[in-house]
Amino acid sequence: MENLDFALQVLVLGFLVVLVTLFGLYGILILFNRLLYQPATAPAESKPAAEPQPSQAVSESEDNGRVVAAIQAAVYQYMQIEHAKPFSGPLSIAVQPSGGVRGGGWKYIGRKELLESSLELENIRRKKKRENI
């Protein structure tokens, strides 16, 4: 019973020390953030404010279209300069979904590759175990 009491005291004391240390570090982070943080100032615009901004009127789908067009232009220019691959026909980029209801996208591909590589490692481990290396 004596050992159990001592173990509980050490557990509670150790837990309190860890919590106090973490709160102290959090306080130091907040202090440094308030002392050293300098918010970015927006540059003064030389255009009159009555003129509409083109970026404000762009919807999300049009913005994605612009990104895809920029990527296509960069790839096309690289292929023309480097002659990496003979260019024939139109260039297109297939944009994969990043998840959502259907699941797919880059997350799915990454998980699939991780599972395949872990299966390969398991097969290597089993083979070494059979060979008694």
C-alpha atoms as a PDB file:
ATOM      1  CA  MET A   1       0.000   0.000   0.000  1.00  0.00           C
ATOM      2  CA  GLU A   2       2.914   2.274   0.735  1.00  0.00           C
ATOM      3  CA  ASN A   3       4.310   1.791  -2.751  1.00  0.00           C
ATOM      4  CA  LEU A   4       0.931   2.524  -4.317  1.00  0.00           C
ATOM      5  CA  ASP A   5       0.624   5.802  -2.399  1.00  0.00           C
ATOM      6  CA  PHE A   6       4.149   6.790  -3.401  1.00  0.00           C
ATOM      7  CA  ALA A   7       3.471   5.868  -7.061  1.00  0.00           C
ATOM      8  CA  LEU A   8       0.287   7.975  -7.114  1.00  0.00           C
ATOM      9  CA  GLN A   9       2.117  10.928  -5.562  1.00  0.00           C
ATOM     10  CA  VAL A  10       4.898  10.692  -8.155  1.00  0.00           C
ATOM     11  CA  LEU A  11       2.300  10.382 -10.937  1.00  0.00           C
ATOM     12  CA  VAL A  12       0.348  13.447  -9.841  1.00  0.00           C
ATOM     13  CA  LEU A  13       3.485  15.491  -9.150  1.00  0.00           C
ATOM     14  CA  GLY A  14       5.026  14.566 -12.523  1.00  0.00           C
ATOM     15  CA  PHE A  15       1.800  15.354 -14.350  1.00  0.00           C
ATOM     16  CA  LEU A  16       1.553  18.747 -12.670  1.00  0.00           C
ATOM     17  CA  VAL A  17       5.176  19.548 -13.500  1.00  0.00           C
ATOM     18  CA  VAL A  18       4.591  18.709 -17.178  1.00  0.00           C
ATOM     19  CA  LEU A  19       1.396  20.802 -17.316  1.00  0.00           C
ATOM     20  CA  VAL A  20       3.010  23.802 -15.613  1.00  0.00           C
ATOM     21  CA  THR A  21       5.978  23.586 -17.993  1.00  0.00           C
ATOM     22  CA  LEU A  22       3.721  23.422 -21.053  1.00  0.00           C
ATOM     23  CA  PHE A  23       1.631  26.376 -19.884  1.00  0.00           C
ATOM     24  CA  GLY A  24       4.827  28.322 -19.180  1.00  0.00           C
ATOM     25  CA  LEU A  25       6.112  27.636 -22.691  1.00  0.00           C
ATOM     26  CA  TYR A  26       2.748  28.646 -24.127  1.00  0.00           C
ATOM     27  CA  GLY A  27       2.906  31.889 -22.174  1.00  0.00           C
ATOM     28  CA  ILE A  28       6.411  32.567 -23.483  1.00  0.00           C
ATOM     29  CA  LEU A  29       5.178  31.985 -27.060  1.00  0.00           C
ATOM     30  CA  ILE A  30       2.313  34.408 -26.568  1.00  0.00           C
ATOM     31  CA  LEU A  31       4.663  36.981 -25.043  1.00  0.00           C
ATOM     32  CA  PHE A  32       7.151  36.773 -27.914  1.00  0.00           C
ATOM     33  CA  ASN A  33       4.331  36.856 -30.425  1.00  0.00           C
ATOM     34  CA  ARG A  34       3.004  40.108 -28.979  1.00  0.00           C
ATOM     35  CA  LEU A  35       6.462  41.659 -28.685  1.00  0.00           C
ATOM     36  CA  LEU A  36       7.955  40.634 -32.027  1.00  0.00           C
ATOM     37  CA  TYR A  37       4.953  40.362 -34.343  1.00  0.00           C
ATOM     38  CA  GLN A  38       4.710  43.154 -36.896  1.00  0.00           C
ATOM     39  CA  PRO A  39       1.596  43.073 -39.056  1.00  0.00           C
ATOM     40  CA  ALA A  40       2.198  43.597 -42.759  1.00  0.00           C
ATOM     41  CA  THR A  41       1.131  46.976 -44.040  1.00  0.00           C
ATOM     42  CA  ALA A  42      -0.693  47.171 -47.343  1.00  0.00           C
ATOM     43  CA  PRO A  43       1.054  49.323 -49.957  1.00  0.00           C
ATOM     44  CA  ALA A  44      -0.733  52.519 -50.887  1.00  0.00           C
ATOM     45  CA  GLU A  45      -2.591  52.245 -54.173  1.00  0.00           C
ATOM     46  CA  SER A  46      -1.989  54.868 -56.832  1.00  0.00           C
ATOM     47  CA  LYS A  47      -5.217  54.039 -58.712  1.00  0.00           C
ATOM     48  CA  PRO A  48      -8.482  55.745 -57.796  1.00  0.00           C
ATOM     49  CA  ALA A  49     -10.759  53.690 -55.571  1.00  0.00           C
ATOM     50  CA  ALA A  50     -13.757  54.019 -57.918  1.00  0.00           C
ATOM     51  CA  GLU A  51     -12.151  51.656 -60.446  1.00  0.00           C
ATOM     52  CA  PRO A  52     -13.276  48.019 -59.854  1.00  0.00           C
ATOM     53  CA  GLN A  53     -10.608  45.500 -58.975  1.00  0.00           C
ATOM     54  CA  PRO A  54     -10.417  42.634 -61.508  1.00  0.00           C
ATOM     55  CA  SER A  55      -9.470  40.059 -58.867  1.00  0.00           C
ATOM     56  CA  GLN A  56     -12.622  40.791 -56.864  1.00  0.00           C
ATOM     57  CA  ALA A  57     -14.923  39.996 -59.769  1.00  0.00           C
ATOM     58  CA  VAL A  58     -13.294  36.627 -60.533  1.00  0.00           C
ATOM     59  CA  SER A  59     -15.143  33.560 -59.282  1.00  0.00           C
ATOM     60  CA  GLU A  60     -13.404  30.484 -57.938  1.00  0.00           C
ATOM     61  CA  SER A  61     -13.900  28.444 -61.112  1.00  0.00           C
ATOM     62  CA  GLU A  62     -12.441  31.223 -63.261  1.00  0.00           C
ATOM     63  CA  ASP A  63      -9.516  31.491 -60.859  1.00  0.00           C
ATOM     64  CA  ASN A  64      -8.870  27.745 -61.179  1.00  0.00           C
ATOM     65  CA  GLY A  65      -9.044  28.136 -64.938  1.00  0.00           C
ATOM     66  CA  ARG A  66      -6.382  30.827 -64.781  1.00  0.00           C
ATOM     67  CA  VAL A  67      -4.123  28.611 -62.702  1.00  0.00           C
ATOM     68  CA  VAL A  68      -4.547  25.738 -65.157  1.00  0.00           C
ATOM     69  CA  ALA A  69      -3.835  28.082 -68.076  1.00  0.00           C
ATOM     70  CA  ALA A  70      -0.662  29.343 -66.375  1.00  0.00           C
ATOM     71  CA  ILE A  71       0.530  25.786 -65.783  1.00  0.00           C
ATOM     72  CA  GLN A  72      -0.206  24.855 -69.393  1.00  0.00           C
ATOM     73  CA  ALA A  73       1.742  27.857 -70.655  1.00  0.00           C
ATOM     74  CA  ALA A  74       4.728  27.017 -68.452  1.00  0.00           C
ATOM     75  CA  VAL A  75       4.765  23.385 -69.577  1.00  0.00           C
ATOM     76  CA  TYR A  76       4.396  24.383 -73.223  1.00  0.00           C
ATOM     77  CA  GLN A  77       7.277  26.870 -72.944  1.00  0.00           C
ATOM     78  CA  TYR A  78       9.479  24.281 -71.212  1.00  0.00           C
ATOM     79  CA  MET A  79       8.748  21.727 -73.913  1.00  0.00           C
ATOM     80  CA  GLN A  80       9.550  24.233 -76.654  1.00  0.00           C
ATOM     81  CA  ILE A  81      12.816  25.419 -75.082  1.00  0.00           C
ATOM     82  CA  GLU A  82      14.183  22.096 -73.850  1.00  0.00           C
ATOM     83  CA  HIS A  83      12.872  19.959 -76.714  1.00  0.00           C
ATOM     84  CA  ALA A  84      12.201  17.374 -74.041  1.00  0.00           C
ATOM     85  CA  LYS A  85       9.428  15.728 -76.011  1.00  0.00           C
ATOM     86  CA  PRO A  86       8.268  16.394 -79.534  1.00  0.00           C
ATOM     87  CA  PHE A  87       5.209  18.563 -79.171  1.00  0.00           C
ATOM     88  CA  SER A  88       2.218  17.530 -81.194  1.00  0.00           C
ATOM     89  CA  GLY A  89      -1.367  18.445 -80.550  1.00  0.00           C
ATOM     90  CA  PRO A  90      -3.057  20.330 -77.736  1.00  0.00           C
ATOM     91  CA  LEU A  91      -1.782  20.257 -74.205  1.00  0.00           C
ATOM     92  CA  SER A  92      -4.265  19.476 -71.441  1.00  0.00           C
ATOM     93  CA  ILE A  93      -4.066  19.134 -67.684  1.00  0.00           C
ATOM     94  CA  ALA A  94      -6.385  16.817 -65.798  1.00  0.00           C
ATOM     95  CA  VAL A  95      -7.157  18.254 -62.362  1.00  0.00           C
ATOM     96  CA  GLN A  96      -7.890  15.587 -59.786  1.00  0.00           C
ATOM     97  CA  PRO A  97     -10.240  16.198 -56.880  1.00  0.00           C
ATOM     98  CA  SER A  98      -8.565  16.607 -53.497  1.00  0.00           C
ATOM     99  CA  GLY A  99     -10.893  14.250 -51.675  1.00  0.00           C
ATOM    100  CA  GLY A 100     -14.489  14.979 -50.844  1.00  0.00           C
ATOM    101  CA  VAL A 101     -17.369  12.530 -51.016  1.00  0.00           C
ATOM    102  CA  ARG A 102     -15.918  10.318 -53.734  1.00  0.00           C
ATOM    103  CA  GLY A 103     -12.706   9.806 -51.830  1.00  0.00           C
ATOM    104  CA  GLY A 104     -10.214   9.802 -54.751  1.00  0.00           C
ATOM    105  CA  GLY A 105      -7.582  12.331 -55.512  1.00  0.00           C
ATOM    106  CA  TRP A 106      -4.054  12.648 -54.274  1.00  0.00           C
ATOM    107  CA  LYS A 107      -4.853  11.295 -50.824  1.00  0.00           C
ATOM    108  CA  TYR A 108      -6.140   8.054 -52.323  1.00  0.00           C
ATOM    109  CA  ILE A 109      -3.096   7.651 -54.566  1.00  0.00           C
ATOM    110  CA  GLY A 110      -0.711   8.357 -51.688  1.00  0.00           C
ATOM    111  CA  ARG A 111      -2.424   5.894 -49.384  1.00  0.00           C
ATOM    112  CA  LYS A 112      -2.419   3.247 -52.096  1.00  0.00           C
ATOM    113  CA  GLU A 113       1.332   3.699 -52.659  1.00  0.00           C
ATOM    114  CA  LEU A 114       2.001   3.519 -48.905  1.00  0.00           C
ATOM    115  CA  LEU A 115       0.044   0.278 -48.629  1.00  0.00           C
ATOM    116  CA  GLU A 116       1.854  -1.217 -51.616  1.00  0.00           C
ATOM    117  CA  SER A 117       5.277  -0.243 -50.255  1.00  0.00           C
ATOM    118  CA  SER A 118       4.445  -1.628 -46.805  1.00  0.00           C
ATOM    119  CA  LEU A 119       3.364  -4.895 -48.459  1.00  0.00           C
ATOM    120  CA  GLU A 120       6.691  -5.056 -50.320  1.00  0.00           C
ATOM    121  CA  LEU A 121       8.597  -4.456 -47.071  1.00  0.00           C
ATOM    122  CA  GLU A 122       6.602  -7.181 -45.333  1.00  0.00           C
ATOM    123  CA  ASN A 123       7.411  -9.629 -48.131  1.00  0.00           C
ATOM    124  CA  ILE A 124      11.131  -8.768 -47.862  1.00  0.00           C
ATOM    125  CA  ARG A 125      11.008  -9.276 -44.093  1.00  0.00           C
ATOM    126  CA  ARG A 126       9.318 -12.657 -44.479  1.00  0.00           C
ATOM    127  CA  LYS A 127      11.840 -13.709 -47.114  1.00  0.00           C
ATOM    128  CA  LYS A 128      14.760 -12.798 -44.816  1.00  0.00           C
ATOM    129  CA  LYS A 129      13.156 -14.694 -41.963  1.00  0.00           C
ATOM    130  CA  ARG A 130      12.842 -17.824 -44.116  1.00  0.00           C
ATOM    131  CA  GLU A 131      16.470 -17.540 -45.262  1.00  0.00           C
ATOM    132  CA  ASN A 132      17.742 -16.976 -41.683  1.00  0.00           C
ATOM    133  CA  ILE A 133      20.122 -14.186 -42.653  1.00  0.00           C
END
